[in-house]
Protein backbone atom coordinates (compact mmCIF):
# COMPACT_ATOMS: atom_id res chain seq x y z
CA MET A 1 -107.55 -159.54 64.09
CA SER A 2 -106.93 -163.20 63.72
CA THR A 3 -106.30 -163.37 59.95
CA LYS A 4 -102.71 -164.13 59.09
CA THR A 5 -101.08 -161.16 57.40
CA GLY A 6 -97.63 -159.63 57.40
CA ALA A 7 -95.29 -161.51 59.75
CA ASP A 8 -97.60 -164.48 60.25
CA ALA A 9 -98.15 -165.06 56.54
CA GLU A 10 -94.49 -164.71 55.59
CA MET A 11 -93.31 -166.90 58.46
CA ASP A 12 -95.71 -169.59 57.28
CA ALA A 13 -94.14 -169.24 53.83
CA GLY A 14 -90.71 -169.87 55.40
CA GLY A 15 -89.00 -166.70 54.22
CA THR A 16 -87.25 -165.60 57.40
CA GLU A 17 -83.87 -164.47 58.69
CA THR A 18 -82.51 -164.53 62.25
CA MET A 19 -82.01 -160.98 63.57
CA THR A 20 -81.66 -159.18 66.85
CA VAL A 21 -84.14 -156.46 67.75
CA ARG A 22 -81.41 -153.89 67.04
CA GLU A 23 -80.72 -155.35 63.59
CA ALA A 24 -84.43 -155.54 62.82
CA ILE A 25 -84.94 -151.84 63.60
CA ARG A 26 -81.86 -150.85 61.58
CA SER A 27 -83.06 -152.99 58.67
CA ALA A 28 -86.47 -151.30 58.74
CA LEU A 29 -84.87 -147.85 58.70
CA ARG A 30 -82.56 -148.75 55.83
CA GLU A 31 -85.33 -150.27 53.71
CA GLU A 32 -87.70 -147.35 54.20
CA MET A 33 -84.96 -144.79 53.45
CA GLU A 34 -84.00 -146.65 50.30
CA ASP A 35 -87.63 -146.81 49.22
CA ASP A 36 -88.60 -143.20 49.98
CA GLU A 37 -86.21 -140.25 49.74
CA ASP A 38 -88.53 -138.19 51.97
CA VAL A 39 -87.62 -140.41 54.95
CA PHE A 40 -84.79 -139.12 57.13
CA VAL A 41 -83.55 -139.70 60.69
CA MET A 42 -82.73 -137.01 63.23
CA GLY A 43 -81.70 -137.01 66.89
CA GLU A 44 -78.84 -136.85 69.34
CA ASP A 45 -75.77 -138.86 68.22
CA VAL A 46 -77.67 -140.80 65.54
CA GLY A 47 -75.09 -140.03 62.86
CA GLU A 48 -71.36 -140.54 63.18
CA PHE A 49 -71.74 -142.11 66.65
CA GLY A 50 -74.43 -144.51 65.41
CA GLY A 51 -76.84 -143.93 68.29
CA VAL A 52 -76.30 -144.48 71.99
CA PHE A 53 -77.48 -148.09 71.54
CA GLU A 54 -75.88 -148.45 68.06
CA VAL A 55 -79.22 -148.81 66.29
CA THR A 56 -78.35 -146.32 63.54
CA ALA A 57 -74.73 -147.49 63.17
CA GLY A 58 -73.58 -147.32 59.55
CA LEU A 59 -76.61 -145.44 58.24
CA MET A 60 -74.74 -142.14 57.88
CA ASP A 61 -72.19 -143.92 55.64
CA ASP A 62 -75.04 -145.13 53.45
CA PHE A 63 -77.25 -142.03 53.33
CA GLY A 64 -75.07 -139.06 54.29
CA GLU A 65 -75.45 -136.19 56.73
CA GLU A 66 -78.52 -134.75 55.02
CA ARG A 67 -80.62 -137.81 55.83
CA ILE A 68 -78.99 -138.95 59.07
CA ARG A 69 -78.93 -135.72 61.06
CA ASP A 70 -77.23 -135.17 64.38
CA THR A 71 -79.05 -132.58 66.48
CA PRO A 72 -78.23 -130.40 69.48
CA ILE A 73 -79.25 -131.68 72.93
CA SER A 74 -82.67 -130.05 72.74
CA GLU A 75 -85.64 -132.40 72.57
CA ALA A 76 -88.03 -129.46 72.26
CA GLY A 77 -86.05 -128.19 69.28
CA PHE A 78 -85.63 -131.33 67.22
CA VAL A 79 -89.05 -132.83 68.01
CA GLY A 80 -90.55 -129.50 66.95
CA ALA A 81 -88.44 -129.61 63.79
CA GLY A 82 -89.81 -133.08 63.12
CA VAL A 83 -93.37 -131.76 63.41
CA GLY A 84 -92.58 -128.99 60.92
CA ALA A 85 -90.87 -131.38 58.52
CA ALA A 86 -93.81 -133.78 58.60
CA ALA A 87 -96.30 -130.98 58.02
CA THR A 88 -94.40 -129.86 54.93
CA GLY A 89 -94.00 -133.17 53.11
CA SER A 90 -91.14 -135.13 54.68
CA ARG A 91 -91.31 -138.34 56.72
CA PRO A 92 -88.98 -137.72 59.66
CA VAL A 93 -87.93 -140.43 62.09
CA VAL A 94 -87.07 -138.57 65.28
CA GLU A 95 -84.98 -140.43 67.85
CA VAL A 96 -85.31 -139.33 71.47
CA MET A 97 -82.51 -141.06 73.34
CA PHE A 98 -84.50 -141.85 76.50
CA SER A 99 -88.28 -141.66 76.77
CA ASP A 100 -88.03 -139.93 80.15
CA PHE A 101 -87.02 -136.75 78.29
CA LEU A 102 -90.08 -136.65 76.04
CA GLY A 103 -91.59 -134.36 78.65
CA VAL A 104 -89.20 -131.64 77.50
CA ALA A 105 -91.01 -131.67 74.15
CA SER A 106 -94.53 -131.97 75.56
CA GLU A 107 -95.79 -128.74 73.96
CA GLN A 108 -94.63 -129.85 70.51
CA ILE A 109 -96.17 -133.30 71.02
CA ILE A 110 -99.45 -132.58 72.81
CA ASN A 111 -100.49 -129.28 71.25
CA GLN A 112 -98.90 -129.53 67.80
CA MET A 113 -98.11 -133.07 66.67
CA ALA A 114 -101.25 -134.68 68.13
CA LYS A 115 -103.69 -131.90 67.23
CA MET A 116 -102.54 -130.36 63.96
CA ARG A 117 -104.31 -132.76 61.62
CA TYR A 118 -107.51 -132.46 63.67
CA MET A 119 -107.41 -128.67 63.87
CA PHE A 120 -106.90 -128.36 60.09
CA GLY A 121 -109.84 -130.63 59.36
CA GLY A 122 -107.66 -133.47 58.10
CA LYS A 123 -106.03 -131.35 55.41
CA THR A 124 -102.57 -131.56 57.00
CA GLU A 125 -100.88 -134.93 57.34
CA MET A 126 -98.44 -135.61 60.17
CA PRO A 127 -96.22 -138.55 59.07
CA VAL A 128 -93.67 -138.37 61.90
CA THR A 129 -92.29 -141.38 63.77
CA VAL A 130 -90.75 -140.87 67.20
CA ARG A 131 -88.38 -143.66 68.23
CA THR A 132 -87.35 -143.79 71.87
CA THR A 133 -86.03 -146.23 74.45
CA GLU A 134 -87.55 -147.11 77.79
CA GLY A 135 -87.36 -149.60 80.64
CA GLY A 136 -85.08 -150.40 83.55
CA GLY A 137 -82.44 -153.04 84.09
CA MET A 138 -79.27 -151.09 83.30
CA GLY A 139 -78.76 -149.34 86.63
CA ALA A 140 -79.28 -146.04 84.84
CA ALA A 141 -81.39 -144.44 87.62
CA SER A 142 -84.89 -143.05 87.44
CA GLN A 143 -84.36 -140.38 84.76
CA HIS A 144 -83.20 -142.99 82.23
CA SER A 145 -85.28 -146.03 83.22
CA GLY A 146 -88.94 -145.12 83.01
CA THR A 147 -91.61 -146.88 80.98
CA ILE A 148 -94.03 -144.14 80.00
CA HIS A 149 -95.74 -145.37 76.85
CA THR A 150 -99.14 -145.09 78.53
CA TRP A 151 -98.93 -141.28 78.21
CA PHE A 152 -98.76 -141.40 74.44
CA ALA A 153 -101.34 -144.15 74.00
CA HIS A 154 -103.69 -141.82 75.89
CA PHE A 155 -103.51 -138.69 73.72
CA PRO A 156 -105.99 -138.55 70.79
CA GLY A 157 -104.18 -138.09 67.50
CA LEU A 158 -101.19 -140.27 68.41
CA LYS A 159 -100.51 -143.96 67.86
CA ALA A 160 -98.21 -145.93 70.16
CA VAL A 161 -96.48 -149.28 69.64
CA ALA A 162 -94.19 -151.31 71.90
CA PRO A 163 -92.86 -154.48 70.19
CA GLY A 164 -91.57 -157.49 72.09
CA THR A 165 -89.85 -159.43 69.26
CA PRO A 166 -87.52 -158.66 66.34
CA ALA A 167 -90.27 -159.41 63.80
CA ALA A 168 -92.68 -157.05 65.54
CA ALA A 169 -89.99 -154.39 65.79
CA LYS A 170 -89.18 -154.42 62.09
CA GLY A 171 -92.73 -154.74 60.83
CA LEU A 172 -94.20 -152.10 63.13
CA LEU A 173 -91.45 -149.57 62.41
CA LYS A 174 -91.99 -149.90 58.67
CA SER A 175 -95.73 -149.37 59.19
CA ALA A 176 -95.04 -146.40 61.47
CA ILE A 177 -92.82 -144.67 58.90
CA ARG A 178 -95.46 -145.20 56.21
CA SER A 179 -98.28 -143.90 58.40
CA ASP A 180 -99.71 -140.44 57.73
CA ASP A 181 -100.38 -140.06 61.47
CA PRO A 182 -97.76 -139.61 64.21
CA VAL A 183 -96.54 -142.88 65.73
CA PHE A 184 -94.50 -143.33 68.90
CA PHE A 185 -92.25 -146.38 68.65
CA PHE A 186 -91.07 -147.56 72.08
CA GLU A 187 -87.94 -149.75 72.19
CA ASP A 188 -87.11 -151.70 75.34
CA LYS A 189 -83.39 -151.15 75.78
CA MET A 190 -82.94 -154.52 77.50
CA ILE A 191 -84.01 -156.60 74.46
CA TYR A 192 -81.82 -155.11 71.72
CA GLU A 193 -79.77 -158.34 71.69
CA GLN A 194 -82.80 -160.64 71.68
CA GLU A 195 -82.84 -162.80 68.54
CA GLY A 196 -85.76 -164.07 66.52
CA GLU A 197 -86.98 -164.95 63.07
CA VAL A 198 -87.89 -161.97 60.91
CA PRO A 199 -89.67 -162.27 57.55
CA VAL A 200 -87.48 -161.16 54.66
CA GLY A 201 -88.52 -158.81 51.90
CA GLU A 202 -89.23 -155.09 51.76
CA ASP A 203 -92.97 -155.71 51.57
CA PHE A 204 -93.09 -157.16 55.09
CA THR A 205 -94.98 -155.01 57.58
CA VAL A 206 -96.92 -155.54 60.80
CA PRO A 207 -100.20 -153.60 60.83
CA ILE A 208 -100.46 -151.06 63.65
CA GLY A 209 -103.33 -152.24 65.83
CA SER A 210 -102.61 -155.98 65.59
CA ALA A 211 -101.53 -158.26 68.43
CA HIS A 212 -99.87 -161.64 67.92
CA VAL A 213 -100.29 -164.97 69.69
CA GLU A 214 -96.68 -165.99 70.37
CA ARG A 215 -97.64 -169.24 72.10
CA GLU A 216 -101.00 -171.01 72.17
CA GLY A 217 -102.46 -172.31 75.43
CA GLU A 218 -105.71 -173.42 77.03
CA ASP A 219 -105.77 -172.35 80.69
CA VAL A 220 -104.48 -168.78 81.12
CA THR A 221 -103.91 -165.85 78.74
CA VAL A 222 -100.93 -163.57 79.35
CA VAL A 223 -100.97 -160.32 77.38
CA ALA A 224 -97.48 -158.82 77.55
CA THR A 225 -95.36 -156.05 76.06
CA GLN A 226 -91.67 -155.58 75.24
CA ARG A 227 -89.26 -157.45 77.57
CA LEU A 228 -92.12 -159.15 79.37
CA VAL A 229 -93.12 -161.02 76.21
CA GLY A 230 -89.94 -163.08 76.52
CA GLU A 231 -90.38 -163.42 80.28
CA SER A 232 -93.94 -164.65 79.72
CA LEU A 233 -92.77 -167.21 77.17
CA SER A 234 -90.16 -168.49 79.64
CA THR A 235 -92.85 -168.72 82.31
CA ALA A 236 -95.13 -170.65 79.97
CA GLU A 237 -92.30 -173.07 79.21
CA ALA A 238 -91.56 -173.53 82.92
CA LEU A 239 -95.23 -174.28 83.68
CA ASP A 240 -95.71 -176.58 80.69
CA GLY A 241 -97.48 -179.74 81.79
CA GLU A 242 -98.96 -178.00 84.82
CA VAL A 243 -100.67 -174.94 83.31
CA SER A 244 -101.24 -174.32 79.61
CA VAL A 245 -100.37 -170.64 79.08
CA GLU A 246 -101.25 -168.63 75.98
CA VAL A 247 -98.90 -165.66 75.43
CA ILE A 248 -99.93 -162.64 73.36
CA ASP A 249 -97.55 -159.85 72.34
CA ALA A 250 -99.84 -156.80 72.42
CA ARG A 251 -97.40 -155.02 70.04
CA SER A 252 -99.73 -152.05 69.53
CA LEU A 253 -100.90 -150.05 72.56
CA TYR A 254 -103.08 -147.65 70.59
CA PRO A 255 -104.91 -148.80 68.65
CA LEU A 256 -105.26 -151.95 70.77
CA ASP A 257 -106.20 -155.30 69.22
CA THR A 258 -109.08 -156.16 71.56
CA GLU A 259 -110.38 -158.87 69.23
CA THR A 260 -107.33 -161.13 69.58
CA ILE A 261 -107.40 -160.77 73.38
CA VAL A 262 -111.12 -161.55 73.57
CA GLU A 263 -110.75 -164.60 71.32
CA SER A 264 -108.08 -165.92 73.67
CA LEU A 265 -110.16 -165.26 76.79
CA GLU A 266 -113.12 -167.10 75.32
CA LYS A 267 -110.85 -170.12 75.34
CA THR A 268 -108.88 -169.70 78.59
CA GLY A 269 -111.18 -167.68 80.87
CA ARG A 270 -108.24 -166.16 82.77
CA LEU A 271 -106.10 -163.09 82.10
CA VAL A 272 -102.73 -161.76 83.27
CA VAL A 273 -101.51 -158.42 81.88
CA ALA A 274 -97.72 -157.93 82.06
CA ASP A 275 -96.29 -154.51 81.23
CA GLU A 276 -93.22 -152.76 82.66
CA SER A 277 -94.98 -149.56 83.62
CA PRO A 278 -96.48 -148.39 86.92
CA ILE A 279 -99.56 -150.44 87.76
CA SER A 280 -102.05 -147.61 88.30
CA TYR A 281 -103.96 -145.97 85.43
CA GLY A 282 -101.91 -147.61 82.70
CA VAL A 283 -101.81 -150.17 79.92
CA HIS A 284 -102.76 -152.87 82.43
CA ALA A 285 -105.95 -151.04 83.36
CA GLU A 286 -106.97 -150.39 79.75
CA ILE A 287 -106.50 -154.02 78.68
CA ALA A 288 -108.38 -155.20 81.80
CA ALA A 289 -111.22 -152.77 81.08
CA ARG A 290 -111.50 -153.96 77.47
CA ALA A 291 -111.54 -157.58 78.69
CA VAL A 292 -114.37 -156.87 81.14
CA GLU A 293 -116.36 -154.91 78.56
CA GLU A 294 -115.99 -157.47 75.77
CA ALA A 295 -115.46 -160.83 77.52
CA PHE A 296 -117.00 -160.54 81.00
CA PHE A 297 -118.96 -163.77 80.80
CA SER A 298 -115.87 -165.67 79.64
CA LEU A 299 -113.84 -164.71 82.72
CA ASP A 300 -113.52 -167.40 85.41
CA ALA A 301 -111.21 -165.47 87.75
CA PRO A 302 -110.13 -161.92 88.61
CA ILE A 303 -107.72 -160.24 86.18
CA GLU A 304 -104.12 -160.04 87.41
CA ARG A 305 -101.71 -157.17 86.67
CA VAL A 306 -97.91 -157.49 86.63
CA GLY A 307 -95.91 -154.28 86.49
CA VAL A 308 -93.85 -151.75 88.41
CA PRO A 309 -95.21 -150.59 91.77
CA ASP A 310 -96.25 -146.95 91.76
CA THR A 311 -92.71 -145.71 92.20
CA HIS A 312 -89.73 -144.54 90.17
CA VAL A 313 -87.06 -147.05 89.16
CA PRO A 314 -84.26 -146.88 91.76
CA PHE A 315 -80.56 -146.55 90.98
CA SER A 316 -79.56 -149.24 93.52
CA PRO A 317 -79.22 -152.56 91.64
CA THR A 318 -80.87 -154.46 94.50
CA LEU A 319 -83.82 -152.10 94.67
CA GLU A 320 -84.10 -151.94 90.87
CA GLU A 321 -84.32 -155.71 90.73
CA GLU A 322 -86.99 -155.59 93.42
CA VAL A 323 -89.33 -153.23 91.55
CA LEU A 324 -88.90 -154.52 87.98
CA PRO A 325 -91.35 -157.29 87.05
CA GLY A 326 -90.09 -160.59 85.69
CA GLU A 327 -90.73 -164.29 85.27
CA GLU A 328 -91.31 -164.96 88.99
CA ASP A 329 -93.98 -162.25 89.16
CA ILE A 330 -95.76 -163.56 86.08
CA GLN A 331 -95.71 -167.11 87.42
CA ALA A 332 -97.06 -165.94 90.78
CA ALA A 333 -99.88 -164.07 89.04
CA ILE A 334 -100.80 -167.17 87.02
CA ARG A 335 -100.85 -169.30 90.14
CA ARG A 336 -103.14 -166.85 91.93
CA ILE A 337 -105.87 -167.37 89.36
CA TYR A 338 -105.35 -171.01 88.34
């Protein structure tokens, strides 16, 4: 999907504003709520408290308790309520504080949200967006530090996105809220303060299913998600003059933009996939499989995967640092194949 639309087109036009990821998400929520009175937000502490990571701060003042709804601590209850609201004409944005607790609502997600439109022959729309945080780095222990977006990219009937920049965060969230299918929007809690240029204007969106080349290169392609997009860009800068690294923000996990990845591999011939989830059976494997299927004869070296070993994220800061992937791991992977 190499045509310039959305963020790319507006950035070329010069209409941008510097925002953090947090501000970009809040801006997307505000714009969509102003544009469509059927959009409302619900979840634990999203109202008066402003969200555990302050993403929804100030929205209750603007839109009131009817549209910024605090819920009981019951993921099964309020995710199920979101499914019902979406099926009956609203566009709920359901915030689940930590992605690790999505399992509590697995029945509502797997058997209802993902299947309802299919089981009714397409006659029932399911315009629900589930926002949730994931990732380690805060010393929050394993029940609050997982990266589990692979689960939701796997289930038919669901879309899953995991932005790595403020522009991607704003544009993808607006597209998610407008979608008539359920979308899981995964926010890396460690990049809320990351700044970047975001196209201005309520018409700005990022299409779900589109990746973005954040940095062009000639020797190695790194496809990354969330926090590891920034880590990959730092790695590319550090290796500049020695290895020319192209960095792609995958942005959308399902649907996946295979075309942009293949176009890059036809140029570089080498691939590193960097995603902060367990290595086995995950996003890494799917991107590697697509690369082999679509660009086998362009590959000059084995595909490298950078992620979390097949373990939970430890509470100990030293051990957490050991298992979480970062710039050193990405650089080592690049050096192994170039």
